[in-house]
PDB file of all heavy atoms in Angstrom:
ATOM      1  N   PRO A   1      18.014   3.580  -3.443  1.00  0.00           N
ATOM      2  CA  PRO A   1      17.584   3.709  -4.834  1.00  0.00           C
ATOM      3  C   PRO A   1      16.873   2.473  -5.317  1.00  0.00           C
ATOM      4  O   PRO A   1      15.895   2.615  -6.227  1.00  0.00           O
ATOM      5  CB  PRO A   1      18.839   3.946  -5.576  1.00  0.00           C
ATOM      6  CG  PRO A   1      19.740   4.658  -4.557  1.00  0.00           C
ATOM      7  CD  PRO A   1      19.386   4.029  -3.256  1.00  0.00           C
ATOM      8  N   GLU A   2      17.216   1.282  -4.821  1.00  0.00           N
ATOM      9  CA  GLU A   2      16.567   0.097  -5.296  1.00  0.00           C
ATOM     10  C   GLU A   2      15.099  -0.011  -4.743  1.00  0.00           C
ATOM     11  O   GLU A   2      14.458  -0.965  -5.126  1.00  0.00           O
ATOM     12  CB  GLU A   2      17.438  -1.129  -4.893  1.00  0.00           C
ATOM     13  CG  GLU A   2      17.843  -1.200  -3.466  1.00  0.00           C
ATOM     14  CD  GLU A   2      19.277  -0.649  -3.287  1.00  0.00           C
ATOM     15  OE1 GLU A   2      19.534   0.414  -3.893  1.00  0.00           O
ATOM     16  OE2 GLU A   2      20.005  -1.286  -2.494  1.00  0.00           O
ATOM     17  N   ASP A   3      14.704   0.879  -3.890  1.00  0.00           N
ATOM     18  CA  ASP A   3      13.330   0.874  -3.447  1.00  0.00           C
ATOM     19  C   ASP A   3      12.404   1.573  -4.441  1.00  0.00           C
ATOM     20  O   ASP A   3      11.214   1.560  -4.200  1.00  0.00           O
ATOM     21  CB  ASP A   3      13.211   1.546  -2.027  1.00  0.00           C
ATOM     22  CG  ASP A   3      13.913   0.729  -0.952  1.00  0.00           C
ATOM     23  OD1 ASP A   3      13.795  -0.513  -0.918  1.00  0.00           O
ATOM     24  OD2 ASP A   3      14.575   1.391  -0.107  1.00  0.00           O
ATOM     25  N   THR A   4      13.023   2.169  -5.414  1.00  0.00           N
ATOM     26  CA  THR A   4      12.157   2.889  -6.425  1.00  0.00           C
ATOM     27  C   THR A   4      11.284   1.920  -7.093  1.00  0.00           C
ATOM     28  O   THR A   4      11.746   0.945  -7.677  1.00  0.00           O
ATOM     29  CB  THR A   4      13.143   3.523  -7.450  1.00  0.00           C
ATOM     30  OG1 THR A   4      13.895   4.557  -6.808  1.00  0.00           O
ATOM     31  CG2 THR A   4      12.349   4.192  -8.568  1.00  0.00           C
ATOM     32  N   ALA A   5       9.962   2.227  -7.064  1.00  0.00           N
ATOM     33  CA  ALA A   5       8.946   1.389  -7.672  1.00  0.00           C
ATOM     34  C   ALA A   5       7.575   1.996  -7.532  1.00  0.00           C
ATOM     35  O   ALA A   5       7.441   3.034  -6.869  1.00  0.00           O
ATOM     36  CB  ALA A   5       8.943   0.000  -7.014  1.00  0.00           C
ATOM     37  N   VAL A   6       6.618   1.378  -8.173  1.00  0.00           N
ATOM     38  CA  VAL A   6       5.262   1.657  -7.905  1.00  0.00           C
ATOM     39  C   VAL A   6       4.777   0.745  -6.774  1.00  0.00           C
ATOM     40  O   VAL A   6       5.002  -0.444  -6.834  1.00  0.00           O
ATOM     41  CB  VAL A   6       4.367   1.559  -9.094  1.00  0.00           C
ATOM     42  CG1 VAL A   6       2.842   1.801  -8.780  1.00  0.00           C
ATOM     43  CG2 VAL A   6       4.811   2.454 -10.280  1.00  0.00           C
ATOM     44  N   TYR A   7       4.186   1.327  -5.737  1.00  0.00           N
ATOM     45  CA  TYR A   7       3.751   0.608  -4.601  1.00  0.00           C
ATOM     46  C   TYR A   7       2.258   0.440  -4.567  1.00  0.00           C
ATOM     47  O   TYR A   7       1.547   1.410  -4.774  1.00  0.00           O
ATOM     48  CB  TYR A   7       4.195   1.345  -3.312  1.00  0.00           C
ATOM     49  CG  TYR A   7       5.689   1.154  -2.993  1.00  0.00           C
ATOM     50  CD1 TYR A   7       6.663   1.780  -3.832  1.00  0.00           C
ATOM     51  CD2 TYR A   7       6.099   0.361  -1.960  1.00  0.00           C
ATOM     52  CE1 TYR A   7       8.006   1.594  -3.593  1.00  0.00           C
ATOM     53  CE2 TYR A   7       7.469   0.193  -1.706  1.00  0.00           C
ATOM     54  CZ  TYR A   7       8.418   0.804  -2.557  1.00  0.00           C
ATOM     55  OH  TYR A   7       9.751   0.579  -2.335  1.00  0.00           O
ATOM     56  N   TYR A   8       1.825  -0.782  -4.311  1.00  0.00           N
ATOM     57  CA  TYR A   8       0.411  -1.102  -4.368  1.00  0.00           C
ATOM     58  C   TYR A   8      -0.033  -1.764  -3.003  1.00  0.00           C
ATOM     59  O   TYR A   8       0.781  -2.480  -2.374  1.00  0.00           O
ATOM     60  CB  TYR A   8       0.118  -2.230  -5.406  1.00  0.00           C
ATOM     61  CG  TYR A   8       0.481  -1.758  -6.854  1.00  0.00           C
ATOM     62  CD1 TYR A   8       1.776  -2.012  -7.340  1.00  0.00           C
ATOM     63  CD2 TYR A   8      -0.467  -1.213  -7.619  1.00  0.00           C
ATOM     64  CE1 TYR A   8       2.100  -1.708  -8.617  1.00  0.00           C
ATOM     65  CE2 TYR A   8      -0.112  -0.811  -8.915  1.00  0.00           C
ATOM     66  CZ  TYR A   8       1.138  -1.082  -9.463  1.00  0.00           C
ATOM     67  OH  TYR A   8       1.413  -0.733 -10.726  1.00  0.00           O
ATOM     68  N   CYS A   9      -1.237  -1.469  -2.587  1.00  0.00           N
ATOM     69  CA  CYS A   9      -1.765  -2.207  -1.504  1.00  0.00           C
ATOM     70  C   CYS A   9      -2.900  -3.037  -2.027  1.00  0.00           C
ATOM     71  O   CYS A   9      -3.489  -2.828  -3.046  1.00  0.00           O
ATOM     72  CB  CYS A   9      -2.289  -1.271  -0.402  1.00  0.00           C
ATOM     73  SG  CYS A   9      -3.645  -0.209  -0.799  1.00  0.00           S
ATOM     74  N   ALA A  10      -3.155  -4.192  -1.241  1.00  0.00           N
ATOM     75  CA  ALA A  10      -4.139  -5.051  -1.650  1.00  0.00           C
ATOM     76  C   ALA A  10      -4.809  -5.749  -0.483  1.00  0.00           C
ATOM     77  O   ALA A  10      -4.197  -5.814   0.615  1.00  0.00           O
ATOM     78  CB  ALA A  10      -3.512  -6.238  -2.497  1.00  0.00           C
ATOM     79  N   ALA A  11      -6.049  -6.103  -0.591  1.00  0.00           N
ATOM     80  CA  ALA A  11      -6.838  -6.606   0.517  1.00  0.00           C
ATOM     81  C   ALA A  11      -7.189  -8.083   0.347  1.00  0.00           C
ATOM     82  O   ALA A  11      -7.640  -8.444  -0.740  1.00  0.00           O
ATOM     83  CB  ALA A  11      -8.120  -5.754   0.705  1.00  0.00           C
ATOM     84  N   ALA A  12      -7.139  -8.876   1.426  1.00  0.00           N
ATOM     85  CA  ALA A  12      -7.460 -10.303   1.410  1.00  0.00           C
ATOM     86  C   ALA A  12      -8.340 -10.628   2.567  1.00  0.00           C
ATOM     87  O   ALA A  12      -7.997 -10.262   3.693  1.00  0.00           O
ATOM     88  CB  ALA A  12      -6.206 -11.148   1.395  1.00  0.00           C
ATOM     89  N   ARG A  13      -9.362 -11.392   2.405  1.00  0.00           N
ATOM     90  CA  ARG A  13     -10.154 -11.843   3.479  1.00  0.00           C
ATOM     91  C   ARG A  13      -9.557 -13.022   4.167  1.00  0.00           C
ATOM     92  O   ARG A  13      -9.694 -13.163   5.389  1.00  0.00           O
ATOM     93  CB  ARG A  13     -11.622 -12.221   2.973  1.00  0.00           C
ATOM     94  CG  ARG A  13     -12.541 -10.985   2.760  1.00  0.00           C
ATOM     95  CD  ARG A  13     -13.828 -11.380   2.185  1.00  0.00           C
ATOM     96  NE  ARG A  13     -13.798 -11.925   0.805  1.00  0.00           N
ATOM     97  CZ  ARG A  13     -14.800 -12.357   0.154  1.00  0.00           C
ATOM     98  NH1 ARG A  13     -15.929 -12.274   0.664  1.00  0.00           N
ATOM     99  NH2 ARG A  13     -14.552 -12.833  -1.057  1.00  0.00           N
ATOM    100  N   LEU A  14      -8.931 -13.920   3.422  1.00  0.00           N
ATOM    101  CA  LEU A  14      -8.275 -15.081   3.992  1.00  0.00           C
ATOM    102  C   LEU A  14      -6.799 -14.742   4.046  1.00  0.00           C
ATOM    103  O   LEU A  14      -6.233 -14.283   3.054  1.00  0.00           O
ATOM    104  CB  LEU A  14      -8.516 -16.321   3.211  1.00  0.00           C
ATOM    105  CG  LEU A  14     -10.035 -16.717   3.098  1.00  0.00           C
ATOM    106  CD1 LEU A  14     -10.147 -17.996   2.270  1.00  0.00           C
ATOM    107  CD2 LEU A  14     -10.560 -16.968   4.545  1.00  0.00           C
ATOM    108  N   TRP A  15      -6.115 -15.090   5.180  1.00  0.00           N
ATOM    109  CA  TRP A  15      -4.741 -14.661   5.266  1.00  0.00           C
ATOM    110  C   TRP A  15      -3.974 -15.623   6.233  1.00  0.00           C
ATOM    111  O   TRP A  15      -4.601 -16.201   7.149  1.00  0.00           O
ATOM    112  CB  TRP A  15      -4.652 -13.239   5.854  1.00  0.00           C
ATOM    113  CG  TRP A  15      -3.310 -12.655   5.831  1.00  0.00           C
ATOM    114  CD1 TRP A  15      -2.617 -12.049   4.821  1.00  0.00           C
ATOM    115  CD2 TRP A  15      -2.379 -12.552   6.983  1.00  0.00           C
ATOM    116  NE1 TRP A  15      -1.472 -11.588   5.198  1.00  0.00           N
ATOM    117  CE2 TRP A  15      -1.206 -11.861   6.525  1.00  0.00           C
ATOM    118  CE3 TRP A  15      -2.467 -12.977   8.291  1.00  0.00           C
ATOM    119  CZ2 TRP A  15      -0.107 -11.608   7.364  1.00  0.00           C
ATOM    120  CZ3 TRP A  15      -1.368 -12.722   9.068  1.00  0.00           C
ATOM    121  CH2 TRP A  15      -0.250 -12.018   8.632  1.00  0.00           C
ATOM    122  N   SER A  16      -2.731 -15.672   5.929  1.00  0.00           N
ATOM    123  CA  SER A  16      -1.827 -16.536   6.848  1.00  0.00           C
ATOM    124  C   SER A  16      -0.489 -15.842   6.773  1.00  0.00           C
ATOM    125  O   SER A  16      -0.101 -15.240   5.798  1.00  0.00           O
ATOM    126  CB  SER A  16      -1.711 -17.920   6.302  1.00  0.00           C
ATOM    127  OG  SER A  16      -0.607 -18.582   6.919  1.00  0.00           O
ATOM    128  N   ALA A  17       0.226 -15.967   7.943  1.00  0.00           N
ATOM    129  CA  ALA A  17       1.567 -15.399   8.037  1.00  0.00           C
ATOM    130  C   ALA A  17       2.610 -16.273   7.327  1.00  0.00           C
ATOM    131  O   ALA A  17       3.774 -15.867   7.291  1.00  0.00           O
ATOM    132  CB  ALA A  17       1.872 -15.233   9.472  1.00  0.00           C
ATOM    133  N   SER A  18       2.128 -17.360   6.843  1.00  0.00           N
ATOM    134  CA  SER A  18       3.086 -18.197   6.054  1.00  0.00           C
ATOM    135  C   SER A  18       3.542 -17.435   4.810  1.00  0.00           C
ATOM    136  O   SER A  18       2.667 -16.810   4.123  1.00  0.00           O
ATOM    137  CB  SER A  18       2.337 -19.532   5.611  1.00  0.00           C
ATOM    138  OG  SER A  18       3.110 -20.140   4.613  1.00  0.00           O
ATOM    139  N   GLN A  19       4.839 -17.400   4.621  1.00  0.00           N
ATOM    140  CA  GLN A  19       5.401 -16.626   3.463  1.00  0.00           C
ATOM    141  C   GLN A  19       4.861 -17.032   2.146  1.00  0.00           C
ATOM    142  O   GLN A  19       4.556 -16.217   1.284  1.00  0.00           O
ATOM    143  CB  GLN A  19       6.921 -16.791   3.502  1.00  0.00           C
ATOM    144  CG  GLN A  19       7.599 -15.813   2.579  1.00  0.00           C
ATOM    145  CD  GLN A  19       9.098 -15.818   2.795  1.00  0.00           C
ATOM    146  OE1 GLN A  19       9.772 -16.783   2.417  1.00  0.00           O
ATOM    147  NE2 GLN A  19       9.739 -14.791   3.341  1.00  0.00           N
ATOM    148  N   ASP A  20       4.621 -18.290   1.977  1.00  0.00           N
ATOM    149  CA  ASP A  20       4.059 -18.822   0.715  1.00  0.00           C
ATOM    150  C   ASP A  20       2.629 -18.296   0.506  1.00  0.00           C
ATOM    151  O   ASP A  20       2.243 -18.183  -0.684  1.00  0.00           O
ATOM    152  CB  ASP A  20       4.027 -20.339   0.711  1.00  0.00           C
ATOM    153  CG  ASP A  20       5.358 -20.931   0.562  1.00  0.00           C
ATOM    154  OD1 ASP A  20       6.337 -20.220   0.156  1.00  0.00           O
ATOM    155  OD2 ASP A  20       5.563 -22.148   0.884  1.00  0.00           O
ATOM    156  N   PHE A  21       1.973 -17.949   1.610  1.00  0.00           N
ATOM    157  CA  PHE A  21       0.590 -17.441   1.426  1.00  0.00           C
ATOM    158  C   PHE A  21       0.576 -15.963   1.191  1.00  0.00           C
ATOM    159  O   PHE A  21       0.072 -15.509   0.161  1.00  0.00           O
ATOM    160  CB  PHE A  21      -0.185 -17.859   2.671  1.00  0.00           C
ATOM    161  CG  PHE A  21      -1.661 -17.686   2.586  1.00  0.00           C
ATOM    162  CD1 PHE A  21      -2.460 -18.772   2.147  1.00  0.00           C
ATOM    163  CD2 PHE A  21      -2.324 -16.441   2.888  1.00  0.00           C
ATOM    164  CE1 PHE A  21      -3.849 -18.607   1.976  1.00  0.00           C
ATOM    165  CE2 PHE A  21      -3.688 -16.329   2.710  1.00  0.00           C
ATOM    166  CZ  PHE A  21      -4.428 -17.330   2.289  1.00  0.00           C
ATOM    167  N   TRP A  22       1.109 -15.165   2.165  1.00  0.00           N
ATOM    168  CA  TRP A  22       0.952 -13.753   2.088  1.00  0.00           C
ATOM    169  C   TRP A  22       1.647 -13.097   0.895  1.00  0.00           C
ATOM    170  O   TRP A  22       1.271 -12.034   0.460  1.00  0.00           O
ATOM    171  CB  TRP A  22       1.290 -13.031   3.382  1.00  0.00           C
ATOM    172  CG  TRP A  22       2.775 -12.981   3.756  1.00  0.00           C
ATOM    173  CD1 TRP A  22       3.490 -13.850   4.514  1.00  0.00           C
ATOM    174  CD2 TRP A  22       3.660 -11.901   3.299  1.00  0.00           C
ATOM    175  NE1 TRP A  22       4.756 -13.383   4.618  1.00  0.00           N
ATOM    176  CE2 TRP A  22       4.943 -12.227   3.882  1.00  0.00           C
ATOM    177  CE3 TRP A  22       3.541 -10.772   2.535  1.00  0.00           C
ATOM    178  CZ2 TRP A  22       6.055 -11.447   3.746  1.00  0.00           C
ATOM    179  CZ3 TRP A  22       4.687  -9.943   2.368  1.00  0.00           C
ATOM    180  CH2 TRP A  22       5.938 -10.289   2.978  1.00  0.00           C
ATOM    181  N   MET A  23       2.706 -13.794   0.367  1.00  0.00           N
ATOM    182  CA  MET A  23       3.437 -13.232  -0.762  1.00  0.00           C
ATOM    183  C   MET A  23       2.750 -13.496  -2.108  1.00  0.00           C
ATOM    184  O   MET A  23       3.210 -13.018  -3.097  1.00  0.00           O
ATOM    185  CB  MET A  23       4.850 -13.794  -0.706  1.00  0.00           C
ATOM    186  CG  MET A  23       5.755 -13.105   0.259  1.00  0.00           C
ATOM    187  SD  MET A  23       7.481 -13.582   0.021  1.00  0.00           S
ATOM    188  CE  MET A  23       8.303 -12.303   1.120  1.00  0.00           C
ATOM    189  N   ASP A  24       1.759 -14.393  -2.076  1.00  0.00           N
ATOM    190  CA  ASP A  24       1.087 -14.759  -3.314  1.00  0.00           C
ATOM    191  C   ASP A  24      -0.022 -13.732  -3.575  1.00  0.00           C
ATOM    192  O   ASP A  24      -1.004 -13.605  -2.923  1.00  0.00           O
ATOM    193  CB  ASP A  24       0.457 -16.181  -3.116  1.00  0.00           C
ATOM    194  CG  ASP A  24      -0.093 -16.739  -4.392  1.00  0.00           C
ATOM    195  OD1 ASP A  24      -0.293 -15.955  -5.385  1.00  0.00           O
ATOM    196  OD2 ASP A  24      -0.376 -17.897  -4.398  1.00  0.00           O
ATOM    197  N   GLY A  25       0.182 -13.050  -4.729  1.00  0.00           N
ATOM    198  CA  GLY A  25      -0.739 -11.986  -5.096  1.00  0.00           C
ATOM    199  C   GLY A  25      -2.107 -12.501  -5.378  1.00  0.00           C
ATOM    200  O   GLY A  25      -3.115 -11.735  -5.278  1.00  0.00           O
ATOM    201  N   ARG A  26      -2.263 -13.805  -5.688  1.00  0.00           N
ATOM    202  CA  ARG A  26      -3.617 -14.385  -5.906  1.00  0.00           C
ATOM    203  C   ARG A  26      -4.447 -14.414  -4.685  1.00  0.00           C
ATOM    204  O   ARG A  26      -5.750 -14.556  -4.777  1.00  0.00           O
ATOM    205  CB  ARG A  26      -3.524 -15.766  -6.494  1.00  0.00           C
ATOM    206  CG  ARG A  26      -2.789 -15.809  -7.849  1.00  0.00           C
ATOM    207  CD  ARG A  26      -2.439 -17.216  -8.248  1.00  0.00           C
ATOM    208  NE  ARG A  26      -1.494 -17.829  -7.369  1.00  0.00           N
ATOM    209  CZ  ARG A  26      -1.101 -19.107  -7.518  1.00  0.00           C
ATOM    210  NH1 ARG A  26      -1.533 -19.822  -8.537  1.00  0.00           N
ATOM    211  NH2 ARG A  26      -0.209 -19.550  -6.723  1.00  0.00           N
ATOM    212  N   VAL A  27      -3.905 -14.293  -3.505  1.00  0.00           N
ATOM    213  CA  VAL A  27      -4.630 -14.245  -2.245  1.00  0.00           C
ATOM    214  C   VAL A  27      -5.486 -13.038  -2.102  1.00  0.00           C
ATOM    215  O   VAL A  27      -6.572 -13.011  -1.472  1.00  0.00           O
ATOM    216  CB  VAL A  27      -3.689 -14.419  -1.058  1.00  0.00           C
ATOM    217  CG1 VAL A  27      -4.287 -14.058   0.225  1.00  0.00           C
ATOM    218  CG2 VAL A  27      -3.001 -15.815  -1.027  1.00  0.00           C
ATOM    219  N   TYR A  28      -5.015 -11.933  -2.763  1.00  0.00           N
ATOM    220  CA  TYR A  28      -5.675 -10.638  -2.564  1.00  0.00           C
ATOM    221  C   TYR A  28      -6.773 -10.363  -3.557  1.00  0.00           C
ATOM    222  O   TYR A  28      -6.548 -10.594  -4.759  1.00  0.00           O
ATOM    223  CB  TYR A  28      -4.587  -9.559  -2.565  1.00  0.00           C
ATOM    224  CG  TYR A  28      -3.494  -9.781  -1.500  1.00  0.00           C
ATOM    225  CD1 TYR A  28      -2.439 -10.621  -1.707  1.00  0.00           C
ATOM    226  CD2 TYR A  28      -3.641  -9.187  -0.264  1.00  0.00           C
ATOM    227  CE1 TYR A  28      -1.513 -10.820  -0.690  1.00  0.00           C
ATOM    228  CE2 TYR A  28      -2.792  -9.464   0.759  1.00  0.00           C
ATOM    229  CZ  TYR A  28      -1.645 -10.264   0.508  1.00  0.00           C
ATOM    230  OH  TYR A  28      -0.728 -10.487   1.481  1.00  0.00           O
ATOM    231  N   GLU A  29      -7.869  -9.873  -3.070  1.00  0.00           N
ATOM    232  CA  GLU A  29      -9.038  -9.714  -3.878  1.00  0.00           C
ATOM    233  C   GLU A  29      -9.211  -8.334  -4.446  1.00  0.00           C
ATOM    234  O   GLU A  29      -9.899  -8.129  -5.502  1.00  0.00           O
ATOM    235  CB  GLU A  29     -10.319 -10.068  -3.112  1.00  0.00           C
ATOM    236  CG  GLU A  29     -10.285 -11.510  -2.582  1.00  0.00           C
ATOM    237  CD  GLU A  29     -11.111 -11.583  -1.286  1.00  0.00           C
ATOM    238  OE1 GLU A  29     -12.311 -11.181  -1.350  1.00  0.00           O
ATOM    239  OE2 GLU A  29     -10.616 -12.099  -0.320  1.00  0.00           O
ATOM    240  N   HIS A  30      -8.734  -7.385  -3.757  1.00  0.00           N
ATOM    241  CA  HIS A  30      -8.853  -5.986  -4.155  1.00  0.00           C
ATOM    242  C   HIS A  30      -7.522  -5.275  -4.171  1.00  0.00           C
ATOM    243  O   HIS A  30      -6.708  -5.464  -3.301  1.00  0.00           O
ATOM    244  CB  HIS A  30      -9.748  -5.193  -3.178  1.00  0.00           C
ATOM    245  CG  HIS A  30     -11.130  -5.838  -2.995  1.00  0.00           C
ATOM    246  ND1 HIS A  30     -12.062  -5.998  -3.950  1.00  0.00           N
ATOM    247  CD2 HIS A  30     -11.635  -6.526  -1.874  1.00  0.00           C
ATOM    248  CE1 HIS A  30     -13.147  -6.659  -3.468  1.00  0.00           C
ATOM    249  NE2 HIS A  30     -12.893  -6.911  -2.235  1.00  0.00           N
ATOM    250  N   TRP A  31      -7.261  -4.487  -5.209  1.00  0.00           N
ATOM    251  CA  TRP A  31      -5.993  -3.842  -5.391  1.00  0.00           C
ATOM    252  C   TRP A  31      -6.192  -2.350  -5.668  1.00  0.00           C
ATOM    253  O   TRP A  31      -7.194  -1.920  -6.291  1.00  0.00           O
ATOM    254  CB  TRP A  31      -5.253  -4.402  -6.588  1.00  0.00           C
ATOM    255  CG  TRP A  31      -4.777  -5.808  -6.392  1.00  0.00           C
ATOM    256  CD1 TRP A  31      -5.494  -6.984  -6.456  1.00  0.00           C
ATOM    257  CD2 TRP A  31      -3.413  -6.250  -6.081  1.00  0.00           C
ATOM    258  NE1 TRP A  31      -4.735  -8.063  -6.194  1.00  0.00           N
ATOM    259  CE2 TRP A  31      -3.456  -7.630  -5.956  1.00  0.00           C
ATOM    260  CE3 TRP A  31      -2.255  -5.573  -5.918  1.00  0.00           C
ATOM    261  CZ2 TRP A  31      -2.312  -8.357  -5.656  1.00  0.00           C
ATOM    262  CZ3 TRP A  31      -1.120  -6.260  -5.602  1.00  0.00           C
ATOM    263  CH2 TRP A  31      -1.143  -7.658  -5.451  1.00  0.00           C
ATOM    264  N   GLY A  32      -5.253  -1.573  -5.133  1.00  0.00           N
ATOM    265  CA  GLY A  32      -5.236  -0.122  -5.494  1.00  0.00           C
ATOM    266  C   GLY A  32      -4.528   0.119  -6.779  1.00  0.00           C
ATOM    267  O   GLY A  32      -4.021  -0.835  -7.436  1.00  0.00           O
ATOM    268  N   GLN A  33      -4.477   1.337  -7.194  1.00  0.00           N
ATOM    269  CA  GLN A  33      -3.901   1.762  -8.454  1.00  0.00           C
ATOM    270  C   GLN A  33      -2.439   1.971  -8.376  1.00  0.00           C
ATOM    271  O   GLN A  33      -1.712   2.156  -9.409  1.00  0.00           O
ATOM    272  CB  GLN A  33      -4.587   3.006  -9.023  1.00  0.00           C
ATOM    273  CG  GLN A  33      -6.042   2.721  -9.421  1.00  0.00           C
ATOM    274  CD  GLN A  33      -6.203   1.660 -10.474  1.00  0.00           C
ATOM    275  OE1 GLN A  33      -5.545   1.722 -11.584  1.00  0.00           O
ATOM    276  NE2 GLN A  33      -6.955   0.602 -10.189  1.00  0.00           N
ATOM    277  N   GLY A  34      -1.920   2.173  -7.169  1.00  0.00           N
ATOM    278  CA  GLY A  34      -0.496   2.362  -6.941  1.00  0.00           C
ATOM    279  C   GLY A  34      -0.047   3.747  -6.727  1.00  0.00           C
ATOM    280  O   GLY A  34      -0.772   4.718  -7.237  1.00  0.00           O
ATOM    281  N   THR A  35       1.085   3.959  -6.089  1.00  0.00           N
ATOM    282  CA  THR A  35       1.634   5.234  -5.891  1.00  0.00           C
ATOM    283  C   THR A  35       3.168   5.115  -6.201  1.00  0.00           C
ATOM    284  O   THR A  35       3.838   4.152  -5.806  1.00  0.00           O
ATOM    285  CB  THR A  35       1.389   5.803  -4.506  1.00  0.00           C
ATOM    286  OG1 THR A  35       1.905   7.112  -4.398  1.00  0.00           O
ATOM    287  CG2 THR A  35       1.961   4.924  -3.411  1.00  0.00           C
ATOM    288  N   GLN A  36       3.754   6.092  -6.913  1.00  0.00           N
ATOM    289  CA  GLN A  36       5.131   6.033  -7.334  1.00  0.00           C
ATOM    290  C   GLN A  36       6.050   6.471  -6.175  1.00  0.00           C
ATOM    291  O   GLN A  36       5.808   7.573  -5.580  1.00  0.00           O
ATOM    292  CB  GLN A  36       5.330   6.877  -8.523  1.00  0.00           C
ATOM    293  CG  GLN A  36       6.791   6.983  -8.984  1.00  0.00           C
ATOM    294  CD  GLN A  36       7.352   5.672  -9.603  1.00  0.00           C
ATOM    295  OE1 GLN A  36       6.633   5.030 -10.418  1.00  0.00           O
ATOM    296  NE2 GLN A  36       8.519   5.231  -9.187  1.00  0.00           N
ATOM    297  N   VAL A  37       7.083   5.686  -5.937  1.00  0.00           N
ATOM    298  CA  VAL A  37       8.130   6.103  -5.019  1.00  0.00           C
ATOM    299  C   VAL A  37       9.403   6.076  -5.773  1.00  0.00           C
ATOM    300  O   VAL A  37       9.800   5.100  -6.396  1.00  0.00           O
ATOM    301  CB  VAL A  37       8.221   5.126  -3.788  1.00  0.00           C
ATOM    302  CG1 VAL A  37       9.449   5.415  -2.942  1.00  0.00           C
ATOM    303  CG2 VAL A  37       6.934   5.168  -2.982  1.00  0.00           C
TER     304      VAL A  37
END
C-alpha cells in the first residue's frame, strides 16, 4: 500500500550512479506527466 503514488519517469543526458547524483531531480531535463499506481 505504501507504494501508492504517481510515478514519473525523467531523462538526463549527464548521469552518475552516485546516489547524490541520480536521486537529484535537478539532474533530469525532461519529465513525463505521470501515471497513478
